Amino acid sequence: MQREFQPAVYIMANRRNGTIYVGVTSNLRQRAWQHREGALDGFTKEFGCKLLVWFELHATMEHAILREKQLKGGSRKRKLALIEAGNPTWRDLFADICS
């Protein structure tokens, strides 16, 4: 069960090997739901990134933000490899964080 305040870095996608978005949040369940429902205007809504395909929990927001910057500064190839390593079928992990 995820705590309400739990810093996390996450990747949303519109399909396998499709458009991806890297984000950071203090409440992954709420933020992933917002992306899925199109409640947030911007990149994920425009490109239909509704699948939570990867996430990483952190002890502090500072650590989460540093990791997000590291990922955003890296290549697409490295992001895809990160997803494939932990979620090779690109399964939507939203249900996992809601249980």
PDB file of N, CA and C in Angstrom:
ATOM      1  N   MET A   1       0.839  -1.183   0.000  1.00  0.00           N
ATOM      2  CA  MET A   1       0.000   0.000   0.000  1.00  0.00           C
ATOM      3  C   MET A   1       0.880   1.241   0.000  1.00  0.00           C
ATOM      4  N   GLN A   2       0.627   2.120  -0.897  1.00  0.00           N
ATOM      5  CA  GLN A   2       1.431   3.332  -1.020  1.00  0.00           C
ATOM      6  C   GLN A   2       0.944   4.392  -0.039  1.00  0.00           C
ATOM      7  N   ARG A   3       1.858   5.055   0.630  1.00  0.00           N
ATOM      8  CA  ARG A   3       1.498   6.170   1.505  1.00  0.00           C
ATOM      9  C   ARG A   3       0.973   7.317   0.656  1.00  0.00           C
ATOM     10  N   GLU A   4       0.178   8.190   1.278  1.00  0.00           N
ATOM     11  CA  GLU A   4      -0.358   9.339   0.542  1.00  0.00           C
ATOM     12  C   GLU A   4       0.779  10.250   0.075  1.00  0.00           C
ATOM     13  N   PHE A   5       1.745  10.535   0.968  1.00  0.00           N
ATOM     14  CA  PHE A   5       2.916  11.315   0.564  1.00  0.00           C
ATOM     15  C   PHE A   5       4.075  10.346   0.391  1.00  0.00           C
ATOM     16  N   GLN A   6       4.368  10.035  -0.852  1.00  0.00           N
ATOM     17  CA  GLN A   6       5.462   9.109  -1.166  1.00  0.00           C
ATOM     18  C   GLN A   6       6.120   9.606  -2.443  1.00  0.00           C
ATOM     19  N   PRO A   7       7.251  10.298  -2.315  1.00  0.00           N
ATOM     20  CA  PRO A   7       7.919  10.797  -3.509  1.00  0.00           C
ATOM     21  C   PRO A   7       8.219   9.669  -4.498  1.00  0.00           C
ATOM     22  N   ALA A   8       7.977   9.951  -5.765  1.00  0.00           N
ATOM     23  CA  ALA A   8       8.174   8.938  -6.803  1.00  0.00           C
ATOM     24  C   ALA A   8       8.519   9.590  -8.134  1.00  0.00           C
ATOM     25  N   VAL A   9       9.278   8.869  -8.917  1.00  0.00           N
ATOM     26  CA  VAL A   9       9.546   9.213 -10.312  1.00  0.00           C
ATOM     27  C   VAL A   9       8.815   8.159 -11.123  1.00  0.00           C
ATOM     28  N   TYR A  10       8.229   8.558 -12.237  1.00  0.00           N
ATOM     29  CA  TYR A  10       7.412   7.617 -13.000  1.00  0.00           C
ATOM     30  C   TYR A  10       7.514   7.890 -14.492  1.00  0.00           C
ATOM     31  N   ILE A  11       7.132   6.876 -15.266  1.00  0.00           N
ATOM     32  CA  ILE A  11       7.074   7.016 -16.718  1.00  0.00           C
ATOM     33  C   ILE A  11       5.685   6.582 -17.186  1.00  0.00           C
ATOM     34  N   MET A  12       5.042   7.459 -17.936  1.00  0.00           N
ATOM     35  CA  MET A  12       3.759   7.168 -18.575  1.00  0.00           C
ATOM     36  C   MET A  12       4.034   6.971 -20.058  1.00  0.00           C
ATOM     37  N   ALA A  13       3.222   6.136 -20.713  1.00  0.00           N
ATOM     38  CA  ALA A  13       3.380   5.885 -22.146  1.00  0.00           C
ATOM     39  C   ALA A  13       2.007   5.780 -22.800  1.00  0.00           C
ATOM     40  N   ASN A  14       1.981   5.982 -24.118  1.00  0.00           N
ATOM     41  CA  ASN A  14       0.708   5.802 -24.827  1.00  0.00           C
ATOM     42  C   ASN A  14       0.584   4.393 -25.404  1.00  0.00           C
ATOM     43  N   ARG A  15       1.703   3.706 -25.571  1.00  0.00           N
ATOM     44  CA  ARG A  15       1.711   2.320 -26.032  1.00  0.00           C
ATOM     45  C   ARG A  15       3.161   1.823 -25.945  1.00  0.00           C
ATOM     46  N   ARG A  16       3.347   0.537 -26.163  1.00  0.00           N
ATOM     47  CA  ARG A  16       4.700  -0.018 -26.125  1.00  0.00           C
ATOM     48  C   ARG A  16       5.578   0.675 -27.173  1.00  0.00           C
ATOM     49  N   ASN A  17       6.745   1.116 -26.746  1.00  0.00           N
ATOM     50  CA  ASN A  17       7.716   1.817 -27.596  1.00  0.00           C
ATOM     51  C   ASN A  17       7.147   3.088 -28.225  1.00  0.00           C
ATOM     52  N   GLY A  18       6.088   3.619 -27.643  1.00  0.00           N
ATOM     53  CA  GLY A  18       5.476   4.839 -28.167  1.00  0.00           C
ATOM     54  C   GLY A  18       6.019   6.075 -27.464  1.00  0.00           C
ATOM     55  N   THR A  19       5.166   7.065 -27.349  1.00  0.00           N
ATOM     56  CA  THR A  19       5.525   8.312 -26.675  1.00  0.00           C
ATOM     57  C   THR A  19       5.599   8.059 -25.183  1.00  0.00           C
ATOM     58  N   ILE A  20       6.646   8.587 -24.535  1.00  0.00           N
ATOM     59  CA  ILE A  20       6.803   8.423 -23.095  1.00  0.00           C
ATOM     60  C   ILE A  20       6.968   9.780 -22.425  1.00  0.00           C
ATOM     61  N   TYR A  21       6.609   9.809 -21.164  1.00  0.00           N
ATOM     62  CA  TYR A  21       6.702  11.016 -20.351  1.00  0.00           C
ATOM     63  C   TYR A  21       7.292  10.643 -19.004  1.00  0.00           C
ATOM     64  N   VAL A  22       8.292  11.385 -18.562  1.00  0.00           N
ATOM     65  CA  VAL A  22       8.905  11.178 -17.250  1.00  0.00           C
ATOM     66  C   VAL A  22       8.421  12.284 -16.328  1.00  0.00           C
ATOM     67  N   GLY A  23       7.953  11.900 -15.143  1.00  0.00           N
ATOM     68  CA  GLY A  23       7.477  12.882 -14.182  1.00  0.00           C
ATOM     69  C   GLY A  23       7.887  12.538 -12.768  1.00  0.00           C
ATOM     70  N   VAL A  24       7.616  13.486 -11.861  1.00  0.00           N
ATOM     71  CA  VAL A  24       7.889  13.304 -10.438  1.00  0.00           C
ATOM     72  C   VAL A  24       6.654  13.772  -9.680  1.00  0.00           C
ATOM     73  N   THR A  25       6.382  13.122  -8.558  1.00  0.00           N
ATOM     74  CA  THR A  25       5.199  13.457  -7.775  1.00  0.00           C
ATOM     75  C   THR A  25       5.392  13.036  -6.329  1.00  0.00           C
ATOM     76  N   SER A  26       4.560  13.567  -5.456  1.00  0.00           N
ATOM     77  CA  SER A  26       4.551  13.126  -4.060  1.00  0.00           C
ATOM     78  C   SER A  26       3.396  12.163  -3.810  1.00  0.00           C
ATOM     79  N   ASN A  27       2.534  11.962  -4.813  1.00  0.00           N
ATOM     80  CA  ASN A  27       1.397  11.045  -4.677  1.00  0.00           C
ATOM     81  C   ASN A  27       1.176  10.353  -6.022  1.00  0.00           C
ATOM     82  N   LEU A  28       1.832   9.227  -6.213  1.00  0.00           N
ATOM     83  CA  LEU A  28       1.822   8.543  -7.502  1.00  0.00           C
ATOM     84  C   LEU A  28       0.425   8.073  -7.899  1.00  0.00           C
ATOM     85  N   ARG A  29      -0.327   7.547  -6.960  1.00  0.00           N
ATOM     86  CA  ARG A  29      -1.673   7.064  -7.278  1.00  0.00           C
ATOM     87  C   ARG A  29      -2.545   8.185  -7.852  1.00  0.00           C
ATOM     88  N   GLN A  30      -2.529   9.318  -7.181  1.00  0.00           N
ATOM     89  CA  GLN A  30      -3.332  10.457  -7.640  1.00  0.00           C
ATOM     90  C   GLN A  30      -2.834  10.978  -8.991  1.00  0.00           C
ATOM     91  N   ARG A  31      -1.516  11.131  -9.140  1.00  0.00           N
ATOM     92  CA  ARG A  31      -0.972  11.689 -10.379  1.00  0.00           C
ATOM     93  C   ARG A  31      -1.220  10.753 -11.563  1.00  0.00           C
ATOM     94  N   ALA A  32      -1.024   9.452 -11.373  1.00  0.00           N
ATOM     95  CA  ALA A  32      -1.266   8.496 -12.460  1.00  0.00           C
ATOM     96  C   ALA A  32      -2.740   8.527 -12.858  1.00  0.00           C
ATOM     97  N   TRP A  33      -3.633   8.616 -11.877  1.00  0.00           N
ATOM     98  CA  TRP A  33      -5.062   8.707 -12.164  1.00  0.00           C
ATOM     99  C   TRP A  33      -5.357   9.961 -12.995  1.00  0.00           C
ATOM    100  N   GLN A  34      -4.744  11.085 -12.623  1.00  0.00           N
ATOM    101  CA  GLN A  34      -4.950  12.338 -13.364  1.00  0.00           C
ATOM    102  C   GLN A  34      -4.510  12.192 -14.817  1.00  0.00           C
ATOM    103  N   HIS A  35      -3.378  11.546 -15.045  1.00  0.00           N
ATOM    104  CA  HIS A  35      -2.912  11.322 -16.418  1.00  0.00           C
ATOM    105  C   HIS A  35      -3.880  10.405 -17.165  1.00  0.00           C
ATOM    106  N   ARG A  36      -4.312   9.328 -16.529  1.00  0.00           N
ATOM    107  CA  ARG A  36      -5.216   8.361 -17.163  1.00  0.00           C
ATOM    108  C   ARG A  36      -6.541   8.995 -17.573  1.00  0.00           C
ATOM    109  N   GLU A  37      -7.040   9.879 -16.724  1.00  0.00           N
ATOM    110  CA  GLU A  37      -8.345  10.501 -16.963  1.00  0.00           C
ATOM    111  C   GLU A  37      -8.260  11.756 -17.827  1.00  0.00           C
ATOM    112  N   GLY A  38      -7.049  12.167 -18.182  1.00  0.00           N
ATOM    113  CA  GLY A  38      -6.892  13.392 -18.973  1.00  0.00           C
ATOM    114  C   GLY A  38      -7.229  14.641 -18.184  1.00  0.00           C
ATOM    115  N   ALA A  39      -7.095  14.568 -16.858  1.00  0.00           N
ATOM    116  CA  ALA A  39      -7.440  15.683 -15.988  1.00  0.00           C
ATOM    117  C   ALA A  39      -6.377  16.785 -15.987  1.00  0.00           C
ATOM    118  N   LEU A  40      -5.207  16.485 -16.508  1.00  0.00           N
ATOM    119  CA  LEU A  40      -4.114  17.460 -16.554  1.00  0.00           C
ATOM    120  C   LEU A  40      -3.854  17.862 -18.000  1.00  0.00           C
ATOM    121  N   ASP A  41      -3.978  19.138 -18.281  1.00  0.00           N
ATOM    122  CA  ASP A  41      -3.637  19.617 -19.614  1.00  0.00           C
ATOM    123  C   ASP A  41      -2.126  19.515 -19.801  1.00  0.00           C
ATOM    124  N   GLY A  42      -1.717  19.312 -21.028  1.00  0.00           N
ATOM    125  CA  GLY A  42      -0.292  19.271 -21.301  1.00  0.00           C
ATOM    126  C   GLY A  42       0.105  18.079 -22.149  1.00  0.00           C
ATOM    127  N   PHE A  43       1.368  17.726 -22.048  1.00  0.00           N
ATOM    128  CA  PHE A  43       1.986  16.713 -22.894  1.00  0.00           C
ATOM    129  C   PHE A  43       1.271  15.365 -22.840  1.00  0.00           C
ATOM    130  N   THR A  44       1.031  14.847 -21.620  1.00  0.00           N
ATOM    131  CA  THR A  44       0.454  13.503 -21.520  1.00  0.00           C
ATOM    132  C   THR A  44      -0.961  13.459 -22.075  1.00  0.00           C
ATOM    133  N   LYS A  45      -1.715  14.513 -21.891  1.00  0.00           N
ATOM    134  CA  LYS A  45      -3.075  14.558 -22.439  1.00  0.00           C
ATOM    135  C   LYS A  45      -3.028  14.650 -23.958  1.00  0.00           C
ATOM    136  N   GLU A  46      -2.154  15.500 -24.470  1.00  0.00           N
ATOM    137  CA  GLU A  46      -2.029  15.701 -25.920  1.00  0.00           C
ATOM    138  C   GLU A  46      -1.617  14.423 -26.639  1.00  0.00           C
ATOM    139  N   PHE A  47      -0.705  13.652 -26.032  1.00  0.00           N
ATOM    140  CA  PHE A  47      -0.182  12.457 -26.684  1.00  0.00           C
ATOM    141  C   PHE A  47      -0.788  11.154 -26.157  1.00  0.00           C
ATOM    142  N   GLY A  48      -1.777  11.254 -25.283  1.00  0.00           N
ATOM    143  CA  GLY A  48      -2.479  10.060 -24.806  1.00  0.00           C
ATOM    144  C   GLY A  48      -1.642   9.129 -23.951  1.00  0.00           C
ATOM    145  N   CYS A  49      -0.735   9.672 -23.167  1.00  0.00           N
ATOM    146  CA  CYS A  49       0.118   8.855 -22.293  1.00  0.00           C
ATOM    147  C   CYS A  49      -0.669   8.499 -21.030  1.00  0.00           C
ATOM    148  N   LYS A  50      -1.344   7.357 -21.068  1.00  0.00           N
ATOM    149  CA  LYS A  50      -2.228   6.949 -19.981  1.00  0.00           C
ATOM    150  C   LYS A  50      -1.769   5.686 -19.264  1.00  0.00           C
ATOM    151  N   LEU A  51      -0.699   5.064 -19.736  1.00  0.00           N
ATOM    152  CA  LEU A  51      -0.206   3.821 -19.142  1.00  0.00           C
ATOM    153  C   LEU A  51       0.967   4.112 -18.216  1.00  0.00           C
ATOM    154  N   LEU A  52       0.852   3.721 -16.971  1.00  0.00           N
ATOM    155  CA  LEU A  52       1.964   3.821 -16.032  1.00  0.00           C
ATOM    156  C   LEU A  52       2.840   2.597 -16.263  1.00  0.00           C
ATOM    157  N   VAL A  53       3.997   2.788 -16.888  1.00  0.00           N
ATOM    158  CA  VAL A  53       4.828   1.645 -17.280  1.00  0.00           C
ATOM    159  C   VAL A  53       6.072   1.451 -16.418  1.00  0.00           C
ATOM    160  N   TRP A  54       6.397   2.443 -15.594  1.00  0.00           N
ATOM    161  CA  TRP A  54       7.571   2.327 -14.723  1.00  0.00           C
ATOM    162  C   TRP A  54       7.440   3.348 -13.611  1.00  0.00           C
ATOM    163  N   PHE A  55       7.893   2.985 -12.412  1.00  0.00           N
ATOM    164  CA  PHE A  55       7.984   3.967 -11.330  1.00  0.00           C
ATOM    165  C   PHE A  55       9.047   3.531 -10.346  1.00  0.00           C
ATOM    166  N   GLU A  56       9.504   4.503  -9.579  1.00  0.00           N
ATOM    167  CA  GLU A  56      10.542   4.277  -8.580  1.00  0.00           C
ATOM    168  C   GLU A  56      10.208   5.167  -7.385  1.00  0.00           C
ATOM    169  N   LEU A  57      10.079   4.581  -6.210  1.00  0.00           N
ATOM    170  CA  LEU A  57       9.766   5.333  -4.998  1.00  0.00           C
ATOM    171  C   LEU A  57      11.055   5.846  -4.359  1.00  0.00           C
ATOM    172  N   HIS A  58      10.953   7.020  -3.722  1.00  0.00           N
ATOM    173  CA  HIS A  58      12.118   7.635  -3.097  1.00  0.00           C
ATOM    174  C   HIS A  58      11.802   8.081  -1.678  1.00  0.00           C
ATOM    175  N   ALA A  59      12.832   8.205  -0.861  1.00  0.00           N
ATOM    176  CA  ALA A  59      12.667   8.602   0.537  1.00  0.00           C
ATOM    177  C   ALA A  59      12.314  10.088   0.669  1.00  0.00           C
ATOM    178  N   THR A  60      12.839  10.915  -0.235  1.00  0.00           N
ATOM    179  CA  THR A  60      12.586  12.352  -0.157  1.00  0.00           C
ATOM    180  C   THR A  60      12.279  12.910  -1.544  1.00  0.00           C
ATOM    181  N   MET A  61      11.602  14.059  -1.566  1.00  0.00           N
ATOM    182  CA  MET A  61      11.333  14.724  -2.847  1.00  0.00           C
ATOM    183  C   MET A  61      12.630  15.158  -3.502  1.00  0.00           C
ATOM    184  N   GLU A  62      13.605  15.552  -2.706  1.00  0.00           N
ATOM    185  CA  GLU A  62      14.888  15.973  -3.269  1.00  0.00           C
ATOM    186  C   GLU A  62      15.522  14.846  -4.080  1.00  0.00           C
ATOM    187  N   HIS A  63      15.512  13.640  -3.540  1.00  0.00           N
ATOM    188  CA  HIS A  63      16.071  12.490  -4.262  1.00  0.00           C
ATOM    189  C   HIS A  63      15.257  12.195  -5.519  1.00  0.00           C
ATOM    190  N   ALA A  64      13.933  12.279  -5.399  1.00  0.00           N
ATOM    191  CA  ALA A  64      13.064  12.009  -6.546  1.00  0.00           C
ATOM    192  C   ALA A  64      13.307  13.024  -7.665  1.00  0.00           C
ATOM    193  N   ILE A  65      13.435  14.281  -7.303  1.00  0.00           N
ATOM    194  CA  ILE A  65      13.666  15.330  -8.308  1.00  0.00           C
ATOM    195  C   ILE A  65      15.017  15.141  -8.992  1.00  0.00           C
ATOM    196  N   LEU A  66      16.038  14.791  -8.221  1.00  0.00           N
ATOM    197  CA  LEU A  66      17.358  14.532  -8.817  1.00  0.00           C
ATOM    198  C   LEU A  66      17.290  13.373  -9.801  1.00  0.00           C
ATOM    199  N   ARG A  67      16.569  12.315  -9.434  1.00  0.00           N
ATOM    200  CA  ARG A  67      16.433  11.150 -10.323  1.00  0.00           C
ATOM    201  C   ARG A  67      15.649  11.511 -11.582  1.00  0.00           C
ATOM    202  N   GLU A  68      14.595  12.306 -11.421  1.00  0.00           N
ATOM    203  CA  GLU A  68      13.808  12.746 -12.582  1.00  0.00           C
ATOM    204  C   GLU A  68      14.706  13.528 -13.552  1.00  0.00           C
ATOM    205  N   LYS A  69      15.506  14.430 -13.028  1.00  0.00           N
ATOM    206  CA  LYS A  69      16.413  15.213 -13.875  1.00  0.00           C
ATOM    207  C   LYS A  69      17.416  14.311 -14.587  1.00  0.00           C
ATOM    208  N   GLN A  70      17.906  13.302 -13.861  1.00  0.00           N
ATOM    209  CA  GLN A  70      18.846  12.348 -14.459  1.00  0.00           C
ATOM    210  C   GLN A  70      18.181  11.619 -15.628  1.00  0.00           C
ATOM    211  N   LEU A  71      16.967  11.151 -15.423  1.00  0.00           N
ATOM    212  CA  LEU A  71      16.258  10.421 -16.476  1.00  0.00           C
ATOM    213  C   LEU A  71      15.930  11.327 -17.657  1.00  0.00           C
ATOM    214  N   LYS A  72      15.441  12.523 -17.370  1.00  0.00           N
ATOM    215  CA  LYS A  72      15.083  13.442 -18.451  1.00  0.00           C
ATOM    216  C   LYS A  72      16.311  13.846 -19.261  1.00  0.00           C
ATOM    217  N   GLY A  73      17.466  13.891 -18.603  1.00  0.00           N
ATOM    218  CA  GLY A  73      18.698  14.254 -19.285  1.00  0.00           C
ATOM    219  C   GLY A  73      19.310  13.106 -20.077  1.00  0.00           C
ATOM    220  N   GLY A  74      18.804  11.901 -19.842  1.00  0.00           N
ATOM    221  CA  GLY A  74      19.332  10.726 -20.524  1.00  0.00           C
ATOM    222  C   GLY A  74      18.651  10.499 -21.864  1.00  0.00           C
ATOM    223  N   SER A  75      19.142   9.534 -22.577  1.00  0.00           N
ATOM    224  CA  SER A  75      18.611   9.233 -23.908  1.00  0.00           C
ATOM    225  C   SER A  75      17.303   8.451 -23.827  1.00  0.00           C
ATOM    226  N   ARG A  76      16.557   8.505 -24.908  1.00  0.00           N
ATOM    227  CA  ARG A  76      15.327   7.711 -25.009  1.00  0.00           C
ATOM    228  C   ARG A  76      15.664   6.219 -24.891  1.00  0.00           C
ATOM    229  N   LYS A  77      16.764   5.827 -25.499  1.00  0.00           N
ATOM    230  CA  LYS A  77      17.194   4.424 -25.462  1.00  0.00           C
ATOM    231  C   LYS A  77      17.351   3.938 -24.024  1.00  0.00           C
ATOM    232  N   ARG A  78      17.933   4.755 -23.172  1.00  0.00           N
ATOM    233  CA  ARG A  78      18.121   4.384 -21.762  1.00  0.00           C
ATOM    234  C   ARG A  78      16.795   4.303 -21.027  1.00  0.00           C
ATOM    235  N   LYS A  79      15.868   5.202 -21.338  1.00  0.00           N
ATOM    236  CA  LYS A  79      14.535   5.157 -20.717  1.00  0.00           C
ATOM    237  C   LYS A  79      13.802   3.887 -21.133  1.00  0.00           C
ATOM    238  N   LEU A  80      13.867   3.547 -22.415  1.00  0.00           N
ATOM    239  CA  LEU A  80      13.212   2.334 -22.899  1.00  0.00           C
ATOM    240  C   LEU A  80      13.821   1.097 -22.248  1.00  0.00           C
ATOM    241  N   ALA A  81      15.138   1.093 -22.082  1.00  0.00           N
ATOM    242  CA  ALA A  81      15.818  -0.035 -21.445  1.00  0.00           C
ATOM    243  C   ALA A  81      15.383  -0.172 -19.983  1.00  0.00           C
ATOM    244  N   LEU A  82      15.187   0.944 -19.309  1.00  0.00           N
ATOM    245  CA  LEU A  82      14.731   0.936 -17.926  1.00  0.00           C
ATOM    246  C   LEU A  82      13.335   0.317 -17.830  1.00  0.00           C
ATOM    247  N   ILE A  83      12.444   0.719 -18.731  1.00  0.00           N
ATOM    248  CA  ILE A  83      11.093   0.154 -18.759  1.00  0.00           C
ATOM    249  C   ILE A  83      11.164  -1.343 -19.048  1.00  0.00           C
ATOM    250  N   GLU A  84      11.894  -1.709 -20.092  1.00  0.00           N
ATOM    251  CA  GLU A  84      11.990  -3.115 -20.510  1.00  0.00           C
ATOM    252  C   GLU A  84      12.568  -4.003 -19.404  1.00  0.00           C
ATOM    253  N   ALA A  85      13.511  -3.477 -18.629  1.00  0.00           N
ATOM    254  CA  ALA A  85      14.139  -4.271 -17.567  1.00  0.00           C
ATOM    255  C   ALA A  85      13.138  -4.633 -16.468  1.00  0.00           C
ATOM    256  N   GLY A  86      12.261  -3.695 -16.125  1.00  0.00           N
ATOM    257  CA  GLY A  86      11.323  -3.948 -15.040  1.00  0.00           C
ATOM    258  C   GLY A  86       9.921  -4.331 -15.472  1.00  0.00           C
ATOM    259  N   ASN A  87       9.590  -4.044 -16.721  1.00  0.00           N
ATOM    260  CA  ASN A  87       8.226  -4.270 -17.207  1.00  0.00           C
ATOM    261  C   ASN A  87       8.286  -4.605 -18.701  1.00  0.00           C
ATOM    262  N   PRO A  88       8.829  -5.769 -19.051  1.00  0.00           N
ATOM    263  CA  PRO A  88       9.082  -6.099 -20.461  1.00  0.00           C
ATOM    264  C   PRO A  88       7.832  -6.153 -21.344  1.00  0.00           C
ATOM    265  N   THR A  89       6.661  -6.347 -20.740  1.00  0.00           N
ATOM    266  CA  THR A  89       5.433  -6.382 -21.545  1.00  0.00           C
ATOM    267  C   THR A  89       4.739  -5.021 -21.598  1.00  0.00           C
ATOM    268  N   TRP A  90       5.319  -4.028 -20.936  1.00  0.00           N
ATOM    269  CA  TRP A  90       4.745  -2.675 -20.873  1.00  0.00           C
ATOM    270  C   TRP A  90       3.331  -2.714 -20.289  1.00  0.00           C
ATOM    271  N   ARG A  91       3.141  -3.594 -19.311  1.00  0.00           N
ATOM    272  CA  ARG A  91       1.860  -3.704 -18.628  1.00  0.00           C
ATOM    273  C   ARG A  91       1.561  -2.406 -17.869  1.00  0.00           C
ATOM    274  N   ASP A  92       0.308  -1.994 -17.842  1.00  0.00           N
ATOM    275  CA  ASP A  92      -0.084  -0.811 -17.072  1.00  0.00           C
ATOM    276  C   ASP A  92       0.000  -1.167 -15.589  1.00  0.00           C
ATOM    277  N   LEU A  93       0.828  -0.455 -14.850  1.00  0.00           N
ATOM    278  CA  LEU A  93       1.079  -0.747 -13.446  1.00  0.00           C
ATOM    279  C   LEU A  93       0.142  -0.022 -12.498  1.00  0.00           C
ATOM    280  N   PHE A  94      -0.841   0.682 -13.035  1.00  0.00           N
ATOM    281  CA  PHE A  94      -1.748   1.466 -12.198  1.00  0.00           C
ATOM    282  C   PHE A  94      -2.436   0.597 -11.143  1.00  0.00           C
ATOM    283  N   ALA A  95      -2.920  -0.561 -11.532  1.00  0.00           N
ATOM    284  CA  ALA A  95      -3.606  -1.444 -10.574  1.00  0.00           C
ATOM    285  C   ALA A  95      -2.670  -1.854  -9.443  1.00  0.00           C
ATOM    286  N   ASP A  96      -1.397  -1.996  -9.737  1.00  0.00           N
ATOM    287  CA  ASP A  96      -0.412  -2.394  -8.719  1.00  0.00           C
ATOM    288  C   ASP A  96      -0.297  -1.366  -7.602  1.00  0.00           C
ATOM    289  N   ILE A  97      -0.401  -0.087  -7.936  1.00  0.00           N
ATOM    290  CA  ILE A  97      -0.246   0.947  -6.925  1.00  0.00           C
ATOM    291  C   ILE A  97      -1.556   1.248  -6.202  1.00  0.00           C
ATOM    292  N   CYS A  98      -2.651   0.702  -6.699  1.00  0.00           N
ATOM    293  CA  CYS A  98      -3.959   0.930  -6.078  1.00  0.00           C
ATOM    294  C   CYS A  98      -4.321  -0.172  -5.098  1.00  0.00           C
ATOM    295  N   SER A  99      -3.554  -1.237  -5.060  1.00  0.00           N
ATOM    296  CA  SER A  99      -3.900  -2.345  -4.153  1.00  0.00           C
ATOM    297  C   SER A  99      -3.206  -2.211  -2.814  1.00  0.00           C
TER     298      SER A  99
END
